[in-house]
Amino acid sequence: MCGAVRYEAQGRPLGVAYCHCRSCRKQTGAPVVTFVAFEADKVRFLNRERKIHHSSPGVKRAFCDHCGTPLSWEGPARTFGATIIEFYISTLDDPDGFVPDRHWFHGERLPWFDVADDLPRFHGLEVGEKPVQHGPGPSRAAVGPEP
């Protein structure tokens, strides 16, 4: 937000996805986040290092220690076979060119929130798993109690 932490990534991203996990929602205060993932060795921080919070074993979450903006999730990812940095898409200078193609941790989504698209939804990070559905399902909040 303030521009104190700047970064650049080389090459094409590994993926762009919505994440509904509770941990990402708690870090950002948002009902869902959108990430663009790069191999960590393809990313370089330019003018100031990010501040790191070790949120769980092997996982780092970065933020700007000047303004508090959350920046990334960082850690090993079996899905991509590498250590990755997933940047919150709104921290990019031009996020319009990075369109999500999947949803992660759909089972953890808030019951009253879904995105109106036909993208595949996965319970986790889809290593060998099939999507649980494509497109939004009925809202759990909208489904009333059983008679």
N, C-alpha and C. Protein backbone atom coordinates (compact mmCIF):
# COMPACT_ATOMS: atom_id res chain seq x y z
N MET A 1 0.82 -1.19 0.00
CA MET A 1 0.00 0.00 0.00
C MET A 1 0.86 1.26 0.00
N CYS A 2 1.91 1.24 0.81
CA CYS A 2 2.75 2.43 0.91
C CYS A 2 3.91 2.42 -0.09
N GLY A 3 4.22 1.27 -0.67
CA GLY A 3 5.32 1.17 -1.63
C GLY A 3 6.68 0.93 -1.01
N ALA A 4 6.75 0.76 0.30
CA ALA A 4 8.04 0.56 0.95
C ALA A 4 8.67 -0.77 0.55
N VAL A 5 7.86 -1.81 0.35
CA VAL A 5 8.36 -3.11 -0.09
C VAL A 5 7.98 -3.28 -1.55
N ARG A 6 8.98 -3.44 -2.39
CA ARG A 6 8.76 -3.67 -3.82
C ARG A 6 9.41 -4.99 -4.18
N TYR A 7 8.81 -5.70 -5.12
CA TYR A 7 9.36 -6.99 -5.55
C TYR A 7 9.15 -7.16 -7.03
N GLU A 8 9.89 -8.11 -7.61
CA GLU A 8 9.65 -8.48 -8.99
C GLU A 8 9.84 -9.98 -9.11
N ALA A 9 9.07 -10.56 -10.01
CA ALA A 9 9.15 -12.00 -10.26
C ALA A 9 9.47 -12.21 -11.73
N GLN A 10 10.35 -13.16 -11.99
CA GLN A 10 10.77 -13.47 -13.35
C GLN A 10 9.95 -14.65 -13.87
N GLY A 11 9.58 -14.60 -15.13
CA GLY A 11 8.88 -15.72 -15.77
C GLY A 11 7.39 -15.74 -15.50
N ARG A 12 6.79 -16.79 -16.01
CA ARG A 12 5.35 -16.96 -15.87
C ARG A 12 5.02 -17.47 -14.47
N PRO A 13 3.86 -17.09 -13.95
CA PRO A 13 3.47 -17.61 -12.64
C PRO A 13 3.14 -19.10 -12.72
N LEU A 14 3.26 -19.78 -11.60
CA LEU A 14 2.90 -21.19 -11.51
C LEU A 14 1.39 -21.37 -11.49
N GLY A 15 0.69 -20.38 -11.03
CA GLY A 15 -0.76 -20.45 -10.98
C GLY A 15 -1.34 -19.23 -10.32
N VAL A 16 -2.64 -19.08 -10.52
CA VAL A 16 -3.40 -18.00 -9.90
C VAL A 16 -4.66 -18.64 -9.33
N ALA A 17 -4.91 -18.44 -8.05
CA ALA A 17 -6.03 -19.13 -7.42
C ALA A 17 -6.65 -18.32 -6.30
N TYR A 18 -7.93 -18.60 -6.07
CA TYR A 18 -8.61 -18.10 -4.89
C TYR A 18 -8.29 -19.07 -3.75
N CYS A 19 -8.05 -18.55 -2.56
CA CYS A 19 -7.85 -19.40 -1.39
C CYS A 19 -8.90 -19.04 -0.35
N HIS A 20 -9.61 -20.06 0.12
CA HIS A 20 -10.67 -19.88 1.12
C HIS A 20 -10.25 -20.35 2.50
N CYS A 21 -8.97 -20.73 2.68
CA CYS A 21 -8.57 -21.31 3.97
C CYS A 21 -8.69 -20.29 5.10
N ARG A 22 -8.94 -20.82 6.26
CA ARG A 22 -9.14 -19.97 7.44
C ARG A 22 -7.90 -19.14 7.75
N SER A 23 -6.72 -19.71 7.56
CA SER A 23 -5.48 -19.03 7.87
C SER A 23 -5.30 -17.78 6.99
N CYS A 24 -5.54 -17.91 5.70
CA CYS A 24 -5.43 -16.74 4.80
C CYS A 24 -6.48 -15.69 5.13
N ARG A 25 -7.68 -16.15 5.44
CA ARG A 25 -8.73 -15.20 5.79
C ARG A 25 -8.38 -14.44 7.07
N LYS A 26 -7.80 -15.14 8.04
CA LYS A 26 -7.44 -14.47 9.29
C LYS A 26 -6.31 -13.47 9.07
N GLN A 27 -5.34 -13.81 8.20
CA GLN A 27 -4.23 -12.88 7.98
C GLN A 27 -4.69 -11.60 7.31
N THR A 28 -5.64 -11.72 6.39
CA THR A 28 -6.03 -10.54 5.60
C THR A 28 -7.30 -9.85 6.09
N GLY A 29 -8.14 -10.58 6.81
CA GLY A 29 -9.43 -10.02 7.19
C GLY A 29 -10.44 -10.05 6.06
N ALA A 30 -10.15 -10.78 5.00
CA ALA A 30 -11.03 -10.86 3.83
C ALA A 30 -11.73 -12.22 3.79
N PRO A 31 -12.91 -12.31 3.17
CA PRO A 31 -13.62 -13.58 3.10
C PRO A 31 -12.96 -14.59 2.15
N VAL A 32 -12.14 -14.12 1.25
CA VAL A 32 -11.38 -14.97 0.33
C VAL A 32 -10.18 -14.14 -0.15
N VAL A 33 -9.09 -14.81 -0.50
CA VAL A 33 -7.94 -14.10 -1.05
C VAL A 33 -7.61 -14.67 -2.43
N THR A 34 -6.90 -13.90 -3.21
CA THR A 34 -6.46 -14.36 -4.52
C THR A 34 -4.95 -14.24 -4.56
N PHE A 35 -4.31 -15.36 -4.94
CA PHE A 35 -2.86 -15.44 -4.98
C PHE A 35 -2.37 -15.63 -6.41
N VAL A 36 -1.16 -15.15 -6.66
CA VAL A 36 -0.39 -15.52 -7.84
C VAL A 36 0.91 -16.12 -7.31
N ALA A 37 1.23 -17.33 -7.78
CA ALA A 37 2.36 -18.09 -7.24
C ALA A 37 3.55 -18.09 -8.18
N PHE A 38 4.74 -17.92 -7.59
CA PHE A 38 6.01 -17.98 -8.32
C PHE A 38 6.99 -18.86 -7.55
N GLU A 39 7.90 -19.49 -8.25
CA GLU A 39 8.98 -20.19 -7.56
C GLU A 39 9.78 -19.15 -6.79
N ALA A 40 10.13 -19.47 -5.55
CA ALA A 40 10.80 -18.50 -4.68
C ALA A 40 12.11 -17.99 -5.27
N ASP A 41 12.85 -18.85 -5.97
CA ASP A 41 14.13 -18.40 -6.52
C ASP A 41 13.98 -17.51 -7.75
N LYS A 42 12.73 -17.25 -8.18
CA LYS A 42 12.47 -16.35 -9.29
C LYS A 42 11.98 -14.98 -8.82
N VAL A 43 11.96 -14.80 -7.50
CA VAL A 43 11.46 -13.56 -6.91
C VAL A 43 12.61 -12.81 -6.25
N ARG A 44 12.57 -11.49 -6.42
CA ARG A 44 13.60 -10.64 -5.81
C ARG A 44 12.91 -9.42 -5.20
N PHE A 45 13.32 -9.10 -3.97
CA PHE A 45 12.81 -7.91 -3.30
C PHE A 45 13.78 -6.78 -3.57
N LEU A 46 13.25 -5.61 -3.93
CA LEU A 46 14.06 -4.55 -4.51
C LEU A 46 14.57 -3.50 -3.54
N ASN A 47 13.70 -2.89 -2.77
CA ASN A 47 14.14 -1.73 -2.00
C ASN A 47 14.09 -1.91 -0.50
N ARG A 48 13.36 -2.90 -0.03
CA ARG A 48 13.23 -3.11 1.40
C ARG A 48 12.74 -4.54 1.59
N GLU A 49 13.29 -5.23 2.55
CA GLU A 49 12.86 -6.60 2.81
C GLU A 49 11.51 -6.61 3.51
N ARG A 50 10.76 -7.63 3.24
CA ARG A 50 9.48 -7.80 3.91
C ARG A 50 9.73 -8.34 5.32
N LYS A 51 8.77 -8.12 6.16
CA LYS A 51 8.80 -8.67 7.52
C LYS A 51 8.13 -10.04 7.46
N ILE A 52 8.70 -11.01 8.19
CA ILE A 52 8.23 -12.39 8.13
C ILE A 52 7.59 -12.80 9.45
N HIS A 53 6.45 -13.44 9.35
CA HIS A 53 5.81 -14.10 10.49
C HIS A 53 5.76 -15.58 10.17
N HIS A 54 6.34 -16.42 11.04
CA HIS A 54 6.31 -17.88 10.87
C HIS A 54 4.97 -18.36 11.41
N SER A 55 4.02 -18.57 10.49
CA SER A 55 2.65 -18.85 10.91
C SER A 55 2.40 -20.31 11.26
N SER A 56 3.17 -21.22 10.70
CA SER A 56 3.07 -22.65 11.00
C SER A 56 4.36 -23.29 10.53
N PRO A 57 4.62 -24.54 10.89
CA PRO A 57 5.90 -25.16 10.51
C PRO A 57 6.15 -25.10 9.00
N GLY A 58 7.27 -24.48 8.63
CA GLY A 58 7.66 -24.37 7.22
C GLY A 58 6.96 -23.29 6.43
N VAL A 59 6.04 -22.57 7.05
CA VAL A 59 5.25 -21.56 6.34
C VAL A 59 5.56 -20.17 6.91
N LYS A 60 5.81 -19.25 5.99
CA LYS A 60 6.03 -17.85 6.35
C LYS A 60 4.94 -17.01 5.71
N ARG A 61 4.54 -16.00 6.41
CA ARG A 61 3.62 -15.01 5.86
C ARG A 61 4.32 -13.66 5.98
N ALA A 62 4.38 -12.95 4.88
CA ALA A 62 5.12 -11.70 4.85
C ALA A 62 4.17 -10.50 4.82
N PHE A 63 4.69 -9.41 5.36
CA PHE A 63 3.94 -8.16 5.38
C PHE A 63 4.91 -7.00 5.38
N CYS A 64 4.42 -5.82 5.09
CA CYS A 64 5.22 -4.61 5.15
C CYS A 64 5.24 -4.11 6.59
N ASP A 65 6.42 -3.95 7.14
CA ASP A 65 6.49 -3.48 8.53
C ASP A 65 6.31 -1.96 8.64
N HIS A 66 6.15 -1.29 7.51
CA HIS A 66 5.90 0.14 7.54
C HIS A 66 4.41 0.45 7.62
N CYS A 67 3.60 -0.20 6.74
CA CYS A 67 2.17 0.09 6.72
C CYS A 67 1.29 -1.10 7.12
N GLY A 68 1.88 -2.29 7.23
CA GLY A 68 1.13 -3.46 7.67
C GLY A 68 0.47 -4.27 6.58
N THR A 69 0.62 -3.88 5.32
CA THR A 69 -0.02 -4.60 4.23
C THR A 69 0.45 -6.05 4.18
N PRO A 70 -0.48 -7.03 4.19
CA PRO A 70 -0.09 -8.42 3.98
C PRO A 70 0.41 -8.59 2.54
N LEU A 71 1.50 -9.33 2.36
CA LEU A 71 2.10 -9.47 1.04
C LEU A 71 2.04 -10.88 0.47
N SER A 72 2.34 -11.91 1.32
CA SER A 72 2.51 -13.23 0.72
C SER A 72 2.36 -14.38 1.70
N TRP A 73 2.20 -15.55 1.10
CA TRP A 73 2.33 -16.85 1.76
C TRP A 73 3.58 -17.45 1.14
N GLU A 74 4.48 -18.03 1.95
CA GLU A 74 5.73 -18.56 1.42
C GLU A 74 6.02 -19.91 2.06
N GLY A 75 6.35 -20.89 1.23
CA GLY A 75 6.69 -22.20 1.76
C GLY A 75 6.76 -23.25 0.67
N PRO A 76 7.02 -24.50 1.08
CA PRO A 76 7.09 -25.59 0.12
C PRO A 76 5.69 -25.95 -0.36
N ALA A 77 5.58 -26.28 -1.63
CA ALA A 77 4.28 -26.64 -2.19
C ALA A 77 4.41 -27.89 -3.04
N ARG A 78 3.81 -28.98 -2.57
CA ARG A 78 3.85 -30.23 -3.35
C ARG A 78 3.21 -30.05 -4.71
N THR A 79 2.18 -29.24 -4.78
CA THR A 79 1.49 -29.01 -6.04
C THR A 79 2.46 -28.57 -7.13
N PHE A 80 3.41 -27.74 -6.78
CA PHE A 80 4.33 -27.19 -7.76
C PHE A 80 5.72 -27.81 -7.67
N GLY A 81 5.97 -28.63 -6.66
CA GLY A 81 7.27 -29.28 -6.52
C GLY A 81 8.41 -28.32 -6.23
N ALA A 82 8.12 -27.23 -5.56
CA ALA A 82 9.15 -26.21 -5.29
C ALA A 82 8.73 -25.38 -4.09
N THR A 83 9.68 -24.63 -3.56
CA THR A 83 9.36 -23.61 -2.58
C THR A 83 8.82 -22.43 -3.36
N ILE A 84 7.69 -21.93 -2.92
CA ILE A 84 7.03 -20.88 -3.68
C ILE A 84 6.75 -19.66 -2.81
N ILE A 85 6.49 -18.57 -3.49
CA ILE A 85 5.96 -17.36 -2.87
C ILE A 85 4.66 -17.05 -3.60
N GLU A 86 3.59 -17.01 -2.83
CA GLU A 86 2.29 -16.64 -3.38
C GLU A 86 1.99 -15.22 -2.91
N PHE A 87 1.94 -14.32 -3.87
CA PHE A 87 1.65 -12.92 -3.55
C PHE A 87 0.16 -12.68 -3.61
N TYR A 88 -0.35 -11.91 -2.65
CA TYR A 88 -1.72 -11.47 -2.74
C TYR A 88 -1.82 -10.60 -3.98
N ILE A 89 -2.74 -10.95 -4.84
CA ILE A 89 -2.79 -10.36 -6.18
C ILE A 89 -2.95 -8.84 -6.15
N SER A 90 -3.59 -8.32 -5.13
CA SER A 90 -3.79 -6.86 -5.07
C SER A 90 -2.54 -6.11 -4.69
N THR A 91 -1.44 -6.81 -4.37
CA THR A 91 -0.16 -6.13 -4.12
C THR A 91 0.60 -5.90 -5.41
N LEU A 92 0.12 -6.47 -6.52
CA LEU A 92 0.78 -6.28 -7.82
C LEU A 92 0.48 -4.90 -8.38
N ASP A 93 1.41 -4.38 -9.17
CA ASP A 93 1.16 -3.09 -9.84
C ASP A 93 0.04 -3.21 -10.85
N ASP A 94 -0.05 -4.36 -11.53
CA ASP A 94 -1.08 -4.56 -12.55
C ASP A 94 -1.71 -5.94 -12.38
N PRO A 95 -2.64 -6.08 -11.44
CA PRO A 95 -3.23 -7.39 -11.19
C PRO A 95 -4.19 -7.88 -12.28
N ASP A 96 -4.62 -6.99 -13.19
CA ASP A 96 -5.62 -7.35 -14.20
C ASP A 96 -5.18 -8.52 -15.08
N GLY A 97 -3.88 -8.68 -15.29
CA GLY A 97 -3.39 -9.72 -16.19
C GLY A 97 -3.30 -11.10 -15.56
N PHE A 98 -3.67 -11.25 -14.29
CA PHE A 98 -3.54 -12.52 -13.59
C PHE A 98 -4.94 -12.98 -13.17
N VAL A 99 -5.49 -13.88 -13.97
CA VAL A 99 -6.86 -14.33 -13.79
C VAL A 99 -6.87 -15.68 -13.08
N PRO A 100 -7.61 -15.82 -11.97
CA PRO A 100 -7.66 -17.09 -11.25
C PRO A 100 -8.22 -18.21 -12.13
N ASP A 101 -7.72 -19.44 -11.88
CA ASP A 101 -8.20 -20.59 -12.64
C ASP A 101 -8.67 -21.74 -11.74
N ARG A 102 -8.74 -21.51 -10.42
CA ARG A 102 -9.17 -22.55 -9.48
C ARG A 102 -9.44 -21.94 -8.10
N HIS A 103 -10.07 -22.74 -7.26
CA HIS A 103 -10.31 -22.38 -5.86
C HIS A 103 -9.66 -23.44 -4.98
N TRP A 104 -8.90 -23.00 -3.98
CA TRP A 104 -8.29 -23.90 -3.01
C TRP A 104 -9.08 -23.85 -1.70
N PHE A 105 -9.08 -24.95 -0.99
CA PHE A 105 -9.70 -25.07 0.33
C PHE A 105 -11.16 -24.60 0.33
N HIS A 106 -11.87 -25.03 -0.70
CA HIS A 106 -13.27 -24.64 -0.85
C HIS A 106 -14.11 -25.08 0.35
N GLY A 107 -13.76 -26.20 0.94
CA GLY A 107 -14.50 -26.69 2.10
C GLY A 107 -14.37 -25.80 3.33
N GLU A 108 -13.38 -24.91 3.33
CA GLU A 108 -13.21 -23.99 4.46
C GLU A 108 -13.84 -22.63 4.21
N ARG A 109 -14.46 -22.46 3.07
CA ARG A 109 -15.01 -21.14 2.75
C ARG A 109 -16.09 -20.75 3.74
N LEU A 110 -16.28 -19.47 3.88
CA LEU A 110 -17.36 -18.97 4.72
C LEU A 110 -18.68 -19.44 4.11
N PRO A 111 -19.62 -19.88 4.91
CA PRO A 111 -20.84 -20.47 4.36
C PRO A 111 -21.70 -19.49 3.57
N TRP A 112 -21.53 -18.21 3.80
CA TRP A 112 -22.35 -17.21 3.12
C TRP A 112 -21.65 -16.58 1.92
N PHE A 113 -20.45 -17.10 1.57
CA PHE A 113 -19.67 -16.48 0.50
C PHE A 113 -19.26 -17.51 -0.55
N ASP A 114 -19.46 -17.17 -1.81
CA ASP A 114 -18.92 -17.95 -2.92
C ASP A 114 -18.70 -17.00 -4.08
N VAL A 115 -17.88 -17.42 -5.03
CA VAL A 115 -17.57 -16.61 -6.20
C VAL A 115 -18.36 -17.18 -7.37
N ALA A 116 -19.05 -16.34 -8.11
CA ALA A 116 -19.89 -16.78 -9.23
C ALA A 116 -19.04 -17.00 -10.47
N ASP A 117 -18.37 -18.15 -10.53
CA ASP A 117 -17.61 -18.55 -11.71
C ASP A 117 -17.75 -20.06 -11.88
N ASP A 118 -17.25 -20.59 -12.96
CA ASP A 118 -17.34 -22.03 -13.22
C ASP A 118 -16.01 -22.73 -12.97
N LEU A 119 -15.14 -22.15 -12.18
CA LEU A 119 -13.82 -22.72 -11.92
C LEU A 119 -13.93 -23.94 -11.01
N PRO A 120 -12.95 -24.85 -11.12
CA PRO A 120 -12.95 -26.02 -10.24
C PRO A 120 -12.66 -25.61 -8.80
N ARG A 121 -13.34 -26.30 -7.88
CA ARG A 121 -13.15 -26.08 -6.46
C ARG A 121 -12.53 -27.34 -5.86
N PHE A 122 -11.46 -27.15 -5.08
CA PHE A 122 -10.74 -28.26 -4.47
C PHE A 122 -10.79 -28.14 -2.96
N HIS A 123 -10.78 -29.29 -2.27
CA HIS A 123 -10.75 -29.27 -0.81
C HIS A 123 -9.41 -28.78 -0.30
N GLY A 124 -8.34 -29.04 -1.04
CA GLY A 124 -7.00 -28.62 -0.63
C GLY A 124 -6.29 -27.95 -1.78
N LEU A 125 -5.05 -28.41 -2.03
CA LEU A 125 -4.24 -27.82 -3.09
C LEU A 125 -4.15 -28.72 -4.32
N GLU A 126 -5.07 -29.60 -4.49
CA GLU A 126 -5.33 -30.46 -5.64
C GLU A 126 -4.24 -31.43 -6.09
N VAL A 127 -3.25 -31.76 -5.27
CA VAL A 127 -2.28 -32.77 -5.65
C VAL A 127 -3.00 -34.10 -5.77
N GLY A 128 -3.23 -34.55 -6.97
CA GLY A 128 -3.89 -35.83 -7.21
C GLY A 128 -5.36 -35.88 -6.86
N GLU A 129 -5.95 -34.78 -6.49
CA GLU A 129 -7.37 -34.82 -6.14
C GLU A 129 -8.23 -34.28 -7.27
N LYS A 130 -9.44 -34.74 -7.30
CA LYS A 130 -10.40 -34.25 -8.28
C LYS A 130 -11.16 -33.08 -7.65
N PRO A 131 -11.61 -32.15 -8.48
CA PRO A 131 -12.40 -31.04 -7.92
C PRO A 131 -13.64 -31.57 -7.22
N VAL A 132 -14.05 -30.90 -6.16
CA VAL A 132 -15.29 -31.28 -5.48
C VAL A 132 -16.50 -30.78 -6.25
N GLN A 133 -16.29 -29.75 -7.05
CA GLN A 133 -17.36 -29.22 -7.91
C GLN A 133 -16.75 -28.17 -8.82
N HIS A 134 -17.53 -27.77 -9.82
CA HIS A 134 -17.21 -26.64 -10.68
C HIS A 134 -18.32 -25.62 -10.47
N GLY A 135 -17.95 -24.40 -10.27
CA GLY A 135 -18.94 -23.36 -10.04
C GLY A 135 -19.47 -23.39 -8.63
N PRO A 136 -20.19 -22.34 -8.27
CA PRO A 136 -20.70 -22.25 -6.89
C PRO A 136 -21.79 -23.27 -6.65
N GLY A 137 -21.87 -23.69 -5.41
CA GLY A 137 -22.93 -24.58 -4.99
C GLY A 137 -23.95 -23.80 -4.19
N PRO A 138 -24.92 -24.49 -3.65
CA PRO A 138 -25.90 -23.78 -2.80
C PRO A 138 -25.18 -23.25 -1.56
N SER A 139 -25.55 -22.09 -1.15
CA SER A 139 -24.97 -21.50 0.06
C SER A 139 -25.44 -22.29 1.27
N ARG A 140 -24.47 -22.67 2.11
CA ARG A 140 -24.85 -23.37 3.34
C ARG A 140 -25.67 -22.46 4.23
N ALA A 141 -25.45 -21.16 4.14
CA ALA A 141 -26.22 -20.23 4.97
C ALA A 141 -27.65 -20.14 4.48
N ALA A 142 -27.86 -20.34 3.16
CA ALA A 142 -29.20 -20.22 2.59
C ALA A 142 -30.03 -21.48 2.80
N VAL A 143 -29.37 -22.57 3.11
CA VAL A 143 -30.09 -23.83 3.32
C VAL A 143 -30.60 -23.81 4.76
N GLY A 144 -31.89 -23.89 4.88
CA GLY A 144 -32.49 -23.83 6.20
C GLY A 144 -32.37 -25.14 6.96
N PRO A 145 -32.81 -25.17 8.19
CA PRO A 145 -32.76 -26.40 8.98
C PRO A 145 -33.67 -27.45 8.37
N GLU A 146 -33.32 -28.69 8.62
CA GLU A 146 -34.14 -29.78 8.11
C GLU A 146 -35.47 -29.79 8.83
N PRO A 147 -36.55 -30.18 8.12
CA PRO A 147 -37.89 -30.18 8.74
C PRO A 147 -38.01 -31.22 9.83
